[in-house]
Amino acid sequence: MTTQFSDDEIDALGERLRLSDASSDWGAYRDYQGRLDELRQNLEEELRSLASDAEIASRTKRLETVVAKLRRRPELALSQVTDLAGCRIIVSGRMEQIAIVGGLQSIYDVQQVDDKSDSPKFGYRAVHLDIRYQGQLMEIQVQTRNQFRWQQVSEYAAGSDVAIKYGGGLPEVGQALLELSELAYQCDLDGVELSETDIARVHSVIALAHSG
């Protein structure tokens, strides 16, 4: 079993990471990350047994991304960052999404639910559950297959311009992603999948926008 960390220890580490690039602090975070990895793997195994028909994956946030977030948001304590480690559950449709979110709320210590399915942020749709799992705040994202496919296209676009994730970037790319998000939402209501043609069309817009 890996070393456990108190919230005070985690917050002190977060402050050091915010203020300096000392290798000793990065090493300390690697130790903490080992604990996060252990919890993430345990949670993923539990979710696989609870939702055997769903696609489930997990990840731990990269140290460089964590440091950037701490420096971007000076008011944020490291112990309160909910997405340092988490799992994603992909289900077939909206009804399955609603059902599994309800099931998770009955099983885990859910601190907050953020449903972006009907009110997306820059086109991104999902349900996020912040849970306290064995003392650690973690995140579970629940997406429909259509929501996940939209996210894959968005991440492809962000590979050329990360600002697109936050509502910036080339306007024609942002508009194409918003339109695809609305189409994904309608497809979920209709119980059908996004077509490859619709996805390819947005890929073409992205490629054309960055060709010059």
N, C-alpha and C. Protein backbone atom coordinates (compact mmCIF):
# COMPACT_ATOMS: atom_id res chain seq x y z
N MET A 1 0.85 -1.20 0.00
CA MET A 1 0.00 0.00 0.00
C MET A 1 0.88 1.25 0.00
N THR A 2 0.49 2.25 -0.75
CA THR A 2 1.26 3.49 -0.83
C THR A 2 1.00 4.37 0.39
N THR A 3 1.85 5.37 0.55
CA THR A 3 1.73 6.30 1.67
C THR A 3 0.46 7.14 1.54
N GLN A 4 -0.22 7.36 2.66
CA GLN A 4 -1.38 8.23 2.65
C GLN A 4 -0.96 9.64 3.04
N PHE A 5 -1.70 10.62 2.56
CA PHE A 5 -1.37 12.03 2.78
C PHE A 5 -2.57 12.74 3.38
N SER A 6 -2.31 13.61 4.36
CA SER A 6 -3.38 14.43 4.92
C SER A 6 -3.66 15.61 4.00
N ASP A 7 -4.84 16.23 4.16
CA ASP A 7 -5.16 17.40 3.35
C ASP A 7 -4.15 18.52 3.57
N ASP A 8 -3.69 18.69 4.82
CA ASP A 8 -2.71 19.74 5.10
C ASP A 8 -1.40 19.49 4.35
N GLU A 9 -0.96 18.23 4.32
CA GLU A 9 0.26 17.89 3.59
C GLU A 9 0.09 18.13 2.09
N ILE A 10 -1.08 17.76 1.57
CA ILE A 10 -1.35 17.95 0.14
C ILE A 10 -1.37 19.44 -0.21
N ASP A 11 -2.03 20.24 0.64
CA ASP A 11 -2.12 21.67 0.36
C ASP A 11 -0.75 22.34 0.45
N ALA A 12 0.07 21.92 1.41
CA ALA A 12 1.42 22.49 1.53
C ALA A 12 2.24 22.16 0.28
N LEU A 13 2.10 20.94 -0.21
CA LEU A 13 2.79 20.55 -1.44
C LEU A 13 2.30 21.39 -2.61
N GLY A 14 0.99 21.61 -2.67
CA GLY A 14 0.42 22.42 -3.73
C GLY A 14 0.97 23.83 -3.75
N GLU A 15 1.15 24.42 -2.57
CA GLU A 15 1.70 25.77 -2.49
C GLU A 15 3.14 25.80 -2.99
N ARG A 16 3.91 24.79 -2.64
CA ARG A 16 5.30 24.75 -3.10
C ARG A 16 5.36 24.59 -4.62
N LEU A 17 4.49 23.76 -5.16
CA LEU A 17 4.46 23.57 -6.62
C LEU A 17 4.04 24.85 -7.33
N ARG A 18 3.15 25.60 -6.69
CA ARG A 18 2.66 26.84 -7.29
C ARG A 18 3.79 27.89 -7.38
N LEU A 19 4.69 27.86 -6.40
CA LEU A 19 5.67 28.93 -6.27
C LEU A 19 7.04 28.62 -6.84
N SER A 20 7.34 27.32 -7.04
CA SER A 20 8.69 27.00 -7.49
C SER A 20 8.69 25.75 -8.36
N ASP A 21 9.84 25.50 -8.98
CA ASP A 21 10.03 24.31 -9.81
C ASP A 21 11.07 23.38 -9.18
N ALA A 22 11.15 23.38 -7.87
CA ALA A 22 12.15 22.56 -7.18
C ALA A 22 11.93 21.08 -7.47
N SER A 23 12.99 20.40 -7.82
CA SER A 23 12.87 18.98 -8.17
C SER A 23 12.38 18.14 -7.00
N SER A 24 12.71 18.57 -5.76
CA SER A 24 12.26 17.82 -4.59
C SER A 24 10.75 17.84 -4.47
N ASP A 25 10.13 18.97 -4.83
CA ASP A 25 8.66 19.08 -4.77
C ASP A 25 8.02 18.24 -5.86
N TRP A 26 8.62 18.22 -7.03
CA TRP A 26 8.09 17.38 -8.10
C TRP A 26 8.19 15.92 -7.70
N GLY A 27 9.28 15.57 -7.02
CA GLY A 27 9.42 14.19 -6.54
C GLY A 27 8.37 13.85 -5.50
N ALA A 28 8.07 14.82 -4.61
CA ALA A 28 7.04 14.59 -3.60
C ALA A 28 5.68 14.38 -4.25
N TYR A 29 5.43 15.14 -5.33
CA TYR A 29 4.15 14.94 -6.02
C TYR A 29 4.09 13.57 -6.67
N ARG A 30 5.22 13.08 -7.18
CA ARG A 30 5.23 11.74 -7.77
C ARG A 30 4.82 10.70 -6.72
N ASP A 31 5.27 10.90 -5.48
CA ASP A 31 4.87 9.99 -4.40
C ASP A 31 3.36 10.06 -4.19
N TYR A 32 2.83 11.28 -4.15
CA TYR A 32 1.38 11.46 -3.99
C TYR A 32 0.64 10.87 -5.17
N GLN A 33 1.21 11.03 -6.35
CA GLN A 33 0.58 10.48 -7.55
C GLN A 33 0.50 8.96 -7.49
N GLY A 34 1.46 8.33 -6.82
CA GLY A 34 1.39 6.89 -6.64
C GLY A 34 0.15 6.49 -5.86
N ARG A 35 -0.19 7.28 -4.85
CA ARG A 35 -1.42 7.04 -4.08
C ARG A 35 -2.64 7.25 -4.97
N LEU A 36 -2.63 8.30 -5.77
CA LEU A 36 -3.75 8.56 -6.68
C LEU A 36 -3.93 7.41 -7.67
N ASP A 37 -2.83 6.90 -8.19
CA ASP A 37 -2.90 5.79 -9.14
C ASP A 37 -3.52 4.55 -8.50
N GLU A 38 -3.14 4.30 -7.26
CA GLU A 38 -3.70 3.14 -6.55
C GLU A 38 -5.21 3.28 -6.38
N LEU A 39 -5.66 4.46 -5.96
CA LEU A 39 -7.10 4.69 -5.78
C LEU A 39 -7.83 4.63 -7.11
N ARG A 40 -7.24 5.21 -8.13
CA ARG A 40 -7.86 5.21 -9.46
C ARG A 40 -8.07 3.79 -9.96
N GLN A 41 -7.08 2.96 -9.80
CA GLN A 41 -7.20 1.57 -10.26
C GLN A 41 -8.26 0.81 -9.47
N ASN A 42 -8.32 1.07 -8.16
CA ASN A 42 -9.35 0.42 -7.34
C ASN A 42 -10.75 0.85 -7.76
N LEU A 43 -10.91 2.16 -7.99
CA LEU A 43 -12.21 2.68 -8.40
C LEU A 43 -12.61 2.12 -9.76
N GLU A 44 -11.67 2.06 -10.68
CA GLU A 44 -11.97 1.52 -12.01
C GLU A 44 -12.45 0.07 -11.92
N GLU A 45 -11.81 -0.72 -11.08
CA GLU A 45 -12.24 -2.12 -10.92
C GLU A 45 -13.66 -2.19 -10.37
N GLU A 46 -13.98 -1.34 -9.40
CA GLU A 46 -15.33 -1.33 -8.85
C GLU A 46 -16.35 -0.95 -9.91
N LEU A 47 -16.03 0.07 -10.69
CA LEU A 47 -16.97 0.53 -11.72
C LEU A 47 -17.19 -0.53 -12.79
N ARG A 48 -16.16 -1.28 -13.12
CA ARG A 48 -16.30 -2.35 -14.11
C ARG A 48 -17.27 -3.42 -13.62
N SER A 49 -17.27 -3.68 -12.34
CA SER A 49 -18.20 -4.68 -11.81
C SER A 49 -19.61 -4.13 -11.70
N LEU A 50 -19.74 -2.81 -11.53
CA LEU A 50 -21.06 -2.19 -11.42
C LEU A 50 -21.70 -1.92 -12.77
N ALA A 51 -20.89 -1.67 -13.78
CA ALA A 51 -21.41 -1.31 -15.11
C ALA A 51 -20.69 -2.15 -16.16
N SER A 52 -20.99 -3.41 -16.17
CA SER A 52 -20.26 -4.35 -17.03
C SER A 52 -20.50 -4.10 -18.52
N ASP A 53 -21.61 -3.45 -18.87
CA ASP A 53 -21.91 -3.20 -20.29
C ASP A 53 -21.30 -1.90 -20.80
N ALA A 54 -20.73 -1.11 -19.91
CA ALA A 54 -20.19 0.20 -20.29
C ALA A 54 -18.70 0.10 -20.61
N GLU A 55 -18.21 1.11 -21.34
CA GLU A 55 -16.77 1.25 -21.55
C GLU A 55 -16.22 2.12 -20.43
N ILE A 56 -15.17 1.66 -19.79
CA ILE A 56 -14.63 2.37 -18.63
C ILE A 56 -13.12 2.55 -18.80
N ALA A 57 -12.67 3.75 -18.54
CA ALA A 57 -11.24 4.04 -18.58
C ALA A 57 -10.93 4.99 -17.42
N SER A 58 -9.66 5.09 -17.07
CA SER A 58 -9.27 5.99 -15.99
C SER A 58 -7.94 6.65 -16.33
N ARG A 59 -7.67 7.74 -15.63
CA ARG A 59 -6.41 8.45 -15.86
C ARG A 59 -6.08 9.28 -14.63
N THR A 60 -4.78 9.57 -14.49
CA THR A 60 -4.28 10.49 -13.48
C THR A 60 -3.72 11.71 -14.21
N LYS A 61 -4.08 12.90 -13.74
CA LYS A 61 -3.68 14.13 -14.43
C LYS A 61 -2.16 14.29 -14.37
N ARG A 62 -1.57 14.70 -15.48
CA ARG A 62 -0.13 14.91 -15.58
C ARG A 62 0.31 16.04 -14.65
N LEU A 63 1.50 15.87 -14.08
CA LEU A 63 2.03 16.86 -13.14
C LEU A 63 2.09 18.25 -13.75
N GLU A 64 2.55 18.35 -15.00
CA GLU A 64 2.66 19.66 -15.64
C GLU A 64 1.30 20.34 -15.74
N THR A 65 0.26 19.55 -15.99
CA THR A 65 -1.09 20.10 -16.08
C THR A 65 -1.58 20.58 -14.72
N VAL A 66 -1.25 19.83 -13.68
CA VAL A 66 -1.64 20.21 -12.32
C VAL A 66 -0.97 21.52 -11.93
N VAL A 67 0.32 21.64 -12.18
CA VAL A 67 1.06 22.85 -11.83
C VAL A 67 0.49 24.06 -12.58
N ALA A 68 0.20 23.88 -13.86
CA ALA A 68 -0.37 24.97 -14.65
C ALA A 68 -1.71 25.42 -14.07
N LYS A 69 -2.52 24.47 -13.62
CA LYS A 69 -3.82 24.81 -13.05
C LYS A 69 -3.66 25.56 -11.74
N LEU A 70 -2.72 25.12 -10.89
CA LEU A 70 -2.48 25.79 -9.61
C LEU A 70 -2.01 27.22 -9.84
N ARG A 71 -1.18 27.44 -10.83
CA ARG A 71 -0.66 28.78 -11.10
C ARG A 71 -1.69 29.66 -11.78
N ARG A 72 -2.59 29.04 -12.50
CA ARG A 72 -3.66 29.80 -13.16
C ARG A 72 -4.74 30.23 -12.16
N ARG A 73 -4.90 29.41 -11.10
CA ARG A 73 -5.95 29.69 -10.10
C ARG A 73 -5.32 29.72 -8.71
N PRO A 74 -4.78 30.85 -8.30
CA PRO A 74 -4.05 30.93 -7.03
C PRO A 74 -4.90 30.67 -5.79
N GLU A 75 -6.21 30.76 -5.92
CA GLU A 75 -7.08 30.51 -4.77
C GLU A 75 -7.35 29.03 -4.53
N LEU A 76 -6.91 28.18 -5.45
CA LEU A 76 -7.26 26.77 -5.42
C LEU A 76 -6.28 25.97 -4.58
N ALA A 77 -6.80 25.22 -3.60
CA ALA A 77 -5.98 24.32 -2.79
C ALA A 77 -5.87 22.98 -3.50
N LEU A 78 -4.70 22.38 -3.46
CA LEU A 78 -4.48 21.12 -4.18
C LEU A 78 -5.42 20.03 -3.70
N SER A 79 -5.73 20.00 -2.41
CA SER A 79 -6.61 18.95 -1.88
C SER A 79 -8.04 19.08 -2.38
N GLN A 80 -8.39 20.24 -2.94
CA GLN A 80 -9.74 20.47 -3.43
C GLN A 80 -9.86 20.33 -4.94
N VAL A 81 -8.76 19.96 -5.60
CA VAL A 81 -8.82 19.70 -7.05
C VAL A 81 -9.42 18.31 -7.24
N THR A 82 -10.59 18.26 -7.84
CA THR A 82 -11.34 17.00 -7.89
C THR A 82 -10.94 16.08 -9.02
N ASP A 83 -10.23 16.63 -10.03
CA ASP A 83 -9.94 15.81 -11.20
C ASP A 83 -8.47 15.42 -11.32
N LEU A 84 -7.77 15.34 -10.18
CA LEU A 84 -6.40 14.84 -10.22
C LEU A 84 -6.37 13.40 -10.72
N ALA A 85 -7.39 12.66 -10.36
CA ALA A 85 -7.52 11.28 -10.83
C ALA A 85 -9.01 10.99 -10.98
N GLY A 86 -9.34 10.17 -11.94
CA GLY A 86 -10.75 9.88 -12.14
C GLY A 86 -10.99 8.82 -13.19
N CYS A 87 -12.26 8.54 -13.38
CA CYS A 87 -12.68 7.50 -14.33
C CYS A 87 -13.74 8.07 -15.27
N ARG A 88 -13.76 7.52 -16.47
CA ARG A 88 -14.80 7.86 -17.44
C ARG A 88 -15.62 6.62 -17.75
N ILE A 89 -16.93 6.79 -17.73
CA ILE A 89 -17.85 5.71 -18.09
C ILE A 89 -18.58 6.14 -19.35
N ILE A 90 -18.54 5.32 -20.38
CA ILE A 90 -19.23 5.62 -21.64
C ILE A 90 -20.35 4.62 -21.82
N VAL A 91 -21.57 5.13 -21.94
CA VAL A 91 -22.75 4.29 -22.08
C VAL A 91 -23.41 4.57 -23.43
N SER A 92 -24.37 3.74 -23.78
CA SER A 92 -24.93 3.80 -25.13
C SER A 92 -25.78 5.04 -25.37
N GLY A 93 -26.53 5.51 -24.38
CA GLY A 93 -27.44 6.61 -24.62
C GLY A 93 -27.80 7.38 -23.37
N ARG A 94 -28.68 8.36 -23.54
CA ARG A 94 -29.03 9.27 -22.45
C ARG A 94 -29.74 8.57 -21.31
N MET A 95 -30.65 7.66 -21.60
CA MET A 95 -31.37 6.96 -20.53
C MET A 95 -30.40 6.14 -19.68
N GLU A 96 -29.44 5.48 -20.34
CA GLU A 96 -28.44 4.71 -19.61
C GLU A 96 -27.56 5.63 -18.77
N GLN A 97 -27.29 6.81 -19.30
CA GLN A 97 -26.49 7.79 -18.56
C GLN A 97 -27.21 8.22 -17.28
N ILE A 98 -28.49 8.53 -17.40
CA ILE A 98 -29.27 8.94 -16.24
C ILE A 98 -29.32 7.82 -15.21
N ALA A 99 -29.50 6.59 -15.68
CA ALA A 99 -29.62 5.45 -14.77
C ALA A 99 -28.32 5.22 -14.01
N ILE A 100 -27.20 5.28 -14.71
CA ILE A 100 -25.94 4.98 -14.02
C ILE A 100 -25.53 6.11 -13.08
N VAL A 101 -25.86 7.35 -13.42
CA VAL A 101 -25.59 8.45 -12.50
C VAL A 101 -26.38 8.26 -11.21
N GLY A 102 -27.64 7.86 -11.33
CA GLY A 102 -28.44 7.59 -10.14
C GLY A 102 -27.86 6.47 -9.31
N GLY A 103 -27.38 5.42 -9.98
CA GLY A 103 -26.77 4.31 -9.26
C GLY A 103 -25.51 4.72 -8.53
N LEU A 104 -24.68 5.53 -9.16
CA LEU A 104 -23.45 5.99 -8.53
C LEU A 104 -23.75 6.85 -7.31
N GLN A 105 -24.80 7.65 -7.39
CA GLN A 105 -25.16 8.50 -6.26
C GLN A 105 -25.61 7.68 -5.06
N SER A 106 -26.15 6.51 -5.31
CA SER A 106 -26.61 5.66 -4.21
C SER A 106 -25.48 4.85 -3.59
N ILE A 107 -24.36 4.75 -4.28
CA ILE A 107 -23.26 3.89 -3.83
C ILE A 107 -22.11 4.70 -3.23
N TYR A 108 -21.77 5.82 -3.86
CA TYR A 108 -20.58 6.57 -3.47
C TYR A 108 -20.92 7.84 -2.70
N ASP A 109 -19.92 8.37 -2.03
CA ASP A 109 -20.06 9.62 -1.28
C ASP A 109 -19.91 10.78 -2.27
N VAL A 110 -21.00 11.12 -2.92
CA VAL A 110 -20.98 12.14 -3.98
C VAL A 110 -21.03 13.53 -3.35
N GLN A 111 -20.03 14.34 -3.67
CA GLN A 111 -19.95 15.70 -3.14
C GLN A 111 -20.69 16.70 -4.03
N GLN A 112 -20.67 16.44 -5.34
CA GLN A 112 -21.30 17.37 -6.28
C GLN A 112 -21.57 16.67 -7.60
N VAL A 113 -22.68 17.04 -8.23
CA VAL A 113 -23.02 16.54 -9.57
C VAL A 113 -23.12 17.75 -10.50
N ASP A 114 -22.40 17.69 -11.61
CA ASP A 114 -22.44 18.77 -12.61
C ASP A 114 -22.89 18.15 -13.93
N ASP A 115 -24.15 18.37 -14.26
CA ASP A 115 -24.73 17.79 -15.47
C ASP A 115 -24.62 18.78 -16.62
N LYS A 116 -23.69 18.49 -17.52
CA LYS A 116 -23.48 19.35 -18.69
C LYS A 116 -24.15 18.77 -19.93
N SER A 117 -25.01 17.79 -19.77
CA SER A 117 -25.62 17.15 -20.93
C SER A 117 -26.59 18.08 -21.65
N ASP A 118 -27.40 18.80 -20.89
CA ASP A 118 -28.38 19.71 -21.49
C ASP A 118 -27.84 21.13 -21.62
N SER A 119 -26.86 21.47 -20.79
CA SER A 119 -26.28 22.82 -20.82
C SER A 119 -24.77 22.70 -20.99
N PRO A 120 -24.31 22.48 -22.21
CA PRO A 120 -22.89 22.21 -22.44
C PRO A 120 -22.02 23.45 -22.25
N LYS A 121 -20.74 23.20 -21.98
CA LYS A 121 -19.76 24.27 -21.89
C LYS A 121 -18.87 24.18 -23.12
N PHE A 122 -19.01 25.16 -24.02
CA PHE A 122 -18.26 25.18 -25.28
C PHE A 122 -18.49 23.90 -26.09
N GLY A 123 -19.70 23.36 -25.98
CA GLY A 123 -20.06 22.16 -26.73
C GLY A 123 -19.85 20.86 -25.98
N TYR A 124 -19.07 20.90 -24.91
CA TYR A 124 -18.75 19.68 -24.15
C TYR A 124 -19.95 19.24 -23.31
N ARG A 125 -20.32 17.96 -23.47
CA ARG A 125 -21.45 17.41 -22.73
C ARG A 125 -21.00 16.16 -21.96
N ALA A 126 -21.42 16.08 -20.71
CA ALA A 126 -21.14 14.93 -19.85
C ALA A 126 -21.81 15.19 -18.51
N VAL A 127 -21.83 14.18 -17.67
CA VAL A 127 -22.20 14.37 -16.27
C VAL A 127 -20.95 14.09 -15.44
N HIS A 128 -20.55 15.05 -14.63
CA HIS A 128 -19.40 14.89 -13.75
C HIS A 128 -19.88 14.68 -12.32
N LEU A 129 -19.35 13.68 -11.66
CA LEU A 129 -19.63 13.45 -10.25
C LEU A 129 -18.32 13.57 -9.49
N ASP A 130 -18.27 14.50 -8.54
CA ASP A 130 -17.13 14.59 -7.64
C ASP A 130 -17.44 13.72 -6.43
N ILE A 131 -16.58 12.75 -6.17
CA ILE A 131 -16.82 11.83 -5.06
C ILE A 131 -15.64 11.88 -4.09
N ARG A 132 -15.91 11.52 -2.84
CA ARG A 132 -14.82 11.32 -1.89
C ARG A 132 -14.65 9.81 -1.75
N TYR A 133 -13.50 9.35 -2.17
CA TYR A 133 -13.23 7.91 -2.25
C TYR A 133 -12.01 7.59 -1.41
N GLN A 134 -12.24 6.86 -0.33
CA GLN A 134 -11.16 6.53 0.60
C GLN A 134 -10.38 7.77 1.01
N GLY A 135 -11.12 8.85 1.28
CA GLY A 135 -10.53 10.09 1.76
C GLY A 135 -10.05 11.05 0.69
N GLN A 136 -10.06 10.62 -0.56
CA GLN A 136 -9.52 11.44 -1.66
C GLN A 136 -10.65 11.91 -2.58
N LEU A 137 -10.64 13.20 -2.93
CA LEU A 137 -11.59 13.69 -3.92
C LEU A 137 -11.19 13.16 -5.29
N MET A 138 -12.15 12.59 -6.00
CA MET A 138 -11.93 12.06 -7.34
C MET A 138 -13.14 12.39 -8.20
N GLU A 139 -12.98 12.21 -9.50
CA GLU A 139 -14.04 12.57 -10.44
C GLU A 139 -14.44 11.36 -11.27
N ILE A 140 -15.74 11.21 -11.45
CA ILE A 140 -16.27 10.22 -12.40
C ILE A 140 -17.02 11.00 -13.47
N GLN A 141 -16.63 10.79 -14.72
CA GLN A 141 -17.33 11.39 -15.86
C GLN A 141 -18.19 10.31 -16.51
N VAL A 142 -19.44 10.63 -16.75
CA VAL A 142 -20.34 9.70 -17.43
C VAL A 142 -20.79 10.36 -18.73
N GLN A 143 -20.50 9.70 -19.85
CA GLN A 143 -20.84 10.23 -21.16
C GLN A 143 -21.59 9.21 -21.98
N THR A 144 -22.44 9.71 -22.86
CA THR A 144 -23.02 8.84 -23.88
C THR A 144 -21.97 8.63 -24.97
N ARG A 145 -22.20 7.62 -25.79
CA ARG A 145 -21.28 7.37 -26.90
C ARG A 145 -21.18 8.60 -27.81
N ASN A 146 -22.30 9.26 -28.07
CA ASN A 146 -22.27 10.45 -28.94
C ASN A 146 -21.50 11.60 -28.29
N GLN A 147 -21.67 11.79 -27.00
CA GLN A 147 -20.93 12.83 -26.30
C GLN A 147 -19.43 12.57 -26.35
N PHE A 148 -19.05 11.31 -26.21
CA PHE A 148 -17.64 10.96 -26.24
C PHE A 148 -17.05 11.14 -27.64
N ARG A 149 -17.82 10.78 -28.66
CA ARG A 149 -17.32 10.96 -30.02
C ARG A 149 -17.13 12.44 -30.34
N TRP A 150 -18.05 13.28 -29.84
CA TRP A 150 -17.86 14.72 -30.01
C TRP A 150 -16.57 15.15 -29.33
N GLN A 151 -16.31 14.65 -28.11
CA GLN A 151 -15.11 15.04 -27.39
C GLN A 151 -13.85 14.65 -28.15
N GLN A 152 -13.86 13.50 -28.78
CA GLN A 152 -12.70 13.08 -29.57
C GLN A 152 -12.42 14.07 -30.71
N VAL A 153 -13.48 14.54 -31.36
CA VAL A 153 -13.30 15.53 -32.43
C VAL A 153 -12.77 16.84 -31.86
N SER A 154 -13.31 17.24 -30.70
CA SER A 154 -12.86 18.48 -30.07
C SER A 154 -11.39 18.40 -29.68
N GLU A 155 -10.96 17.25 -29.17
CA GLU A 155 -9.56 17.10 -28.79
C GLU A 155 -8.65 17.11 -30.02
N TYR A 156 -9.15 16.58 -31.11
CA TYR A 156 -8.40 16.65 -32.37
C TYR A 156 -8.20 18.11 -32.77
N ALA A 157 -9.27 18.90 -32.65
CA ALA A 157 -9.18 20.33 -32.98
C ALA A 157 -8.23 21.04 -32.04
N ALA A 158 -8.27 20.69 -30.76
CA ALA A 158 -7.41 21.34 -29.76
C ALA A 158 -5.94 21.01 -29.98
N GLY A 159 -5.67 19.94 -30.70
CA GLY A 159 -4.28 19.60 -31.00
C GLY A 159 -3.60 20.67 -31.84
N SER A 160 -4.40 21.39 -32.63
CA SER A 160 -3.86 22.48 -33.44
C SER A 160 -3.99 23.83 -32.75
N ASP A 161 -4.96 23.93 -31.83
CA ASP A 161 -5.21 25.20 -31.15
C ASP A 161 -5.94 24.91 -29.85
N VAL A 162 -5.21 24.87 -28.73
CA VAL A 162 -5.81 24.48 -27.45
C VAL A 162 -6.87 25.47 -27.00
N ALA A 163 -6.85 26.70 -27.51
CA ALA A 163 -7.83 27.71 -27.11
C ALA A 163 -9.25 27.29 -27.46
N ILE A 164 -9.40 26.38 -28.41
CA ILE A 164 -10.73 25.94 -28.83
C ILE A 164 -11.48 25.28 -27.68
N LYS A 165 -10.74 24.70 -26.73
CA LYS A 165 -11.38 24.04 -25.59
C LYS A 165 -12.07 25.03 -24.67
N TYR A 166 -11.67 26.29 -24.75
CA TYR A 166 -12.19 27.31 -23.83
C TYR A 166 -12.98 28.39 -24.56
N GLY A 167 -13.50 28.05 -25.74
CA GLY A 167 -14.32 28.99 -26.47
C GLY A 167 -13.56 29.94 -27.35
N GLY A 168 -12.23 29.77 -27.47
CA GLY A 168 -11.43 30.63 -28.32
C GLY A 168 -11.10 29.94 -29.63
N GLY A 169 -9.99 30.33 -30.21
CA GLY A 169 -9.56 29.71 -31.46
C GLY A 169 -10.29 30.26 -32.67
N LEU A 170 -10.11 29.57 -33.79
CA LEU A 170 -10.73 30.01 -35.04
C LEU A 170 -12.24 29.87 -34.97
N PRO A 171 -12.99 30.93 -35.29
CA PRO A 171 -14.44 30.91 -35.12
C PRO A 171 -15.14 29.84 -35.95
N GLU A 172 -14.64 29.54 -37.16
CA GLU A 172 -15.30 28.54 -37.98
C GLU A 172 -15.17 27.14 -37.38
N VAL A 173 -14.05 26.90 -36.69
CA VAL A 173 -13.88 25.61 -36.01
C VAL A 173 -14.80 25.53 -34.80
N GLY A 174 -14.84 26.60 -34.03
CA GLY A 174 -15.73 26.62 -32.87
C GLY A 174 -17.18 26.43 -33.26
N GLN A 175 -17.60 27.08 -34.34
CA GLN A 175 -18.99 26.95 -34.79
C GLN A 175 -19.29 25.54 -35.24
N ALA A 176 -18.36 24.92 -35.96
CA ALA A 176 -18.57 23.54 -36.43
C ALA A 176 -18.69 22.58 -35.25
N LEU A 177 -17.89 22.81 -34.21
CA LEU A 177 -17.96 21.95 -33.02
C LEU A 177 -19.28 22.15 -32.27
N LEU A 178 -19.72 23.40 -32.17
CA LEU A 178 -21.00 23.65 -31.51
C LEU A 178 -22.15 22.99 -32.26
N GLU A 179 -22.11 23.06 -33.58
CA GLU A 179 -23.17 22.43 -34.38
C GLU A 179 -23.13 20.91 -34.22
N LEU A 180 -21.94 20.34 -34.15
CA LEU A 180 -21.83 18.89 -33.95
C LEU A 180 -22.31 18.50 -32.56
N SER A 181 -22.06 19.34 -31.58
CA SER A 181 -22.54 19.08 -30.22
C SER A 181 -24.07 19.06 -30.18
N GLU A 182 -24.69 20.02 -30.85
CA GLU A 182 -26.16 20.04 -30.91
C GLU A 182 -26.70 18.81 -31.63
N LEU A 183 -26.01 18.39 -32.67
CA LEU A 183 -26.43 17.20 -33.40
C LEU A 183 -26.28 15.96 -32.53
N ALA A 184 -25.20 15.89 -31.76
CA ALA A 184 -25.01 14.76 -30.84
C ALA A 184 -26.13 14.71 -29.81
N TYR A 185 -26.53 15.88 -29.33
CA TYR A 185 -27.63 15.96 -28.36
C TYR A 185 -28.93 15.45 -28.98
N GLN A 186 -29.21 15.87 -30.19
CA GLN A 186 -30.43 15.43 -30.87
C GLN A 186 -30.38 13.93 -31.15
N CYS A 187 -29.22 13.44 -31.54
CA CYS A 187 -29.08 11.99 -31.78
C CYS A 187 -29.35 11.20 -30.52
N ASP A 188 -28.89 11.70 -29.37
CA ASP A 188 -29.17 11.02 -28.11
C ASP A 188 -30.67 11.01 -27.82
N LEU A 189 -31.35 12.12 -28.10
CA LEU A 189 -32.80 12.16 -27.89
C LEU A 189 -33.51 11.17 -28.81
N ASP A 190 -32.98 11.01 -30.02
CA ASP A 190 -33.60 10.12 -31.00
C ASP A 190 -33.14 8.68 -30.87
N GLY A 191 -32.14 8.44 -30.02
CA GLY A 191 -31.65 7.08 -29.83
C GLY A 191 -30.83 6.55 -31.00
N VAL A 192 -30.12 7.45 -31.70
CA VAL A 192 -29.28 7.03 -32.83
C VAL A 192 -27.86 7.56 -32.62
N GLU A 193 -26.93 7.05 -33.41
CA GLU A 193 -25.54 7.47 -33.30
C GLU A 193 -25.21 8.56 -34.32
N LEU A 194 -24.26 9.41 -33.95
CA LEU A 194 -23.73 10.36 -34.91
C LEU A 194 -23.21 9.62 -36.14
N SER A 195 -23.43 10.18 -37.30
CA SER A 195 -22.95 9.52 -38.51
C SER A 195 -21.48 9.86 -38.76
N GLU A 196 -20.81 8.95 -39.44
CA GLU A 196 -19.42 9.20 -39.82
C GLU A 196 -19.31 10.40 -40.75
N THR A 197 -20.36 10.62 -41.54
CA THR A 197 -20.37 11.76 -42.46
C THR A 197 -20.32 13.08 -41.70
N ASP A 198 -21.12 13.18 -40.63
CA ASP A 198 -21.15 14.41 -39.83
C ASP A 198 -19.81 14.65 -39.15
N ILE A 199 -19.20 13.59 -38.65
CA ILE A 199 -17.90 13.73 -38.00
C ILE A 199 -16.83 14.11 -39.02
N ALA A 200 -16.86 13.48 -40.18
CA ALA A 200 -15.88 13.78 -41.22
C ALA A 200 -16.01 15.23 -41.69
N ARG A 201 -17.23 15.74 -41.73
CA ARG A 201 -17.43 17.12 -42.16
C ARG A 201 -16.71 18.09 -41.22
N VAL A 202 -16.80 17.84 -39.91
CA VAL A 202 -16.13 18.73 -38.95
C VAL A 202 -14.61 18.58 -39.05
N HIS A 203 -14.14 17.36 -39.25
CA HIS A 203 -12.70 17.16 -39.46
C HIS A 203 -12.22 17.97 -40.67
N SER A 204 -13.04 18.02 -41.70
CA SER A 204 -12.67 18.78 -42.90
C SER A 204 -12.61 20.28 -42.61
N VAL A 205 -13.56 20.77 -41.81
CA VAL A 205 -13.54 22.18 -41.44
C VAL A 205 -12.27 22.51 -40.66
N ILE A 206 -11.91 21.62 -39.73
CA ILE A 206 -10.70 21.84 -38.92
C ILE A 206 -9.46 21.87 -39.80
N ALA A 207 -9.37 20.88 -40.69
CA ALA A 207 -8.19 20.80 -41.57
C ALA A 207 -8.08 22.02 -42.48
N LEU A 208 -9.22 22.43 -43.04
CA LEU A 208 -9.22 23.58 -43.95
C LEU A 208 -8.85 24.86 -43.21
N ALA A 209 -9.37 25.01 -41.99
CA ALA A 209 -9.12 26.23 -41.22
C ALA A 209 -7.64 26.40 -40.89
N HIS A 210 -6.94 25.28 -40.73
CA HIS A 210 -5.53 25.36 -40.35
C HIS A 210 -4.58 25.15 -41.53
N SER A 211 -5.15 25.03 -42.72
CA SER A 211 -4.30 24.77 -43.89
C SER A 211 -3.52 26.00 -44.34
N GLY A 212 -4.06 27.18 -43.98
CA GLY A 212 -3.38 28.40 -44.39
C GLY A 212 -2.41 28.89 -43.36
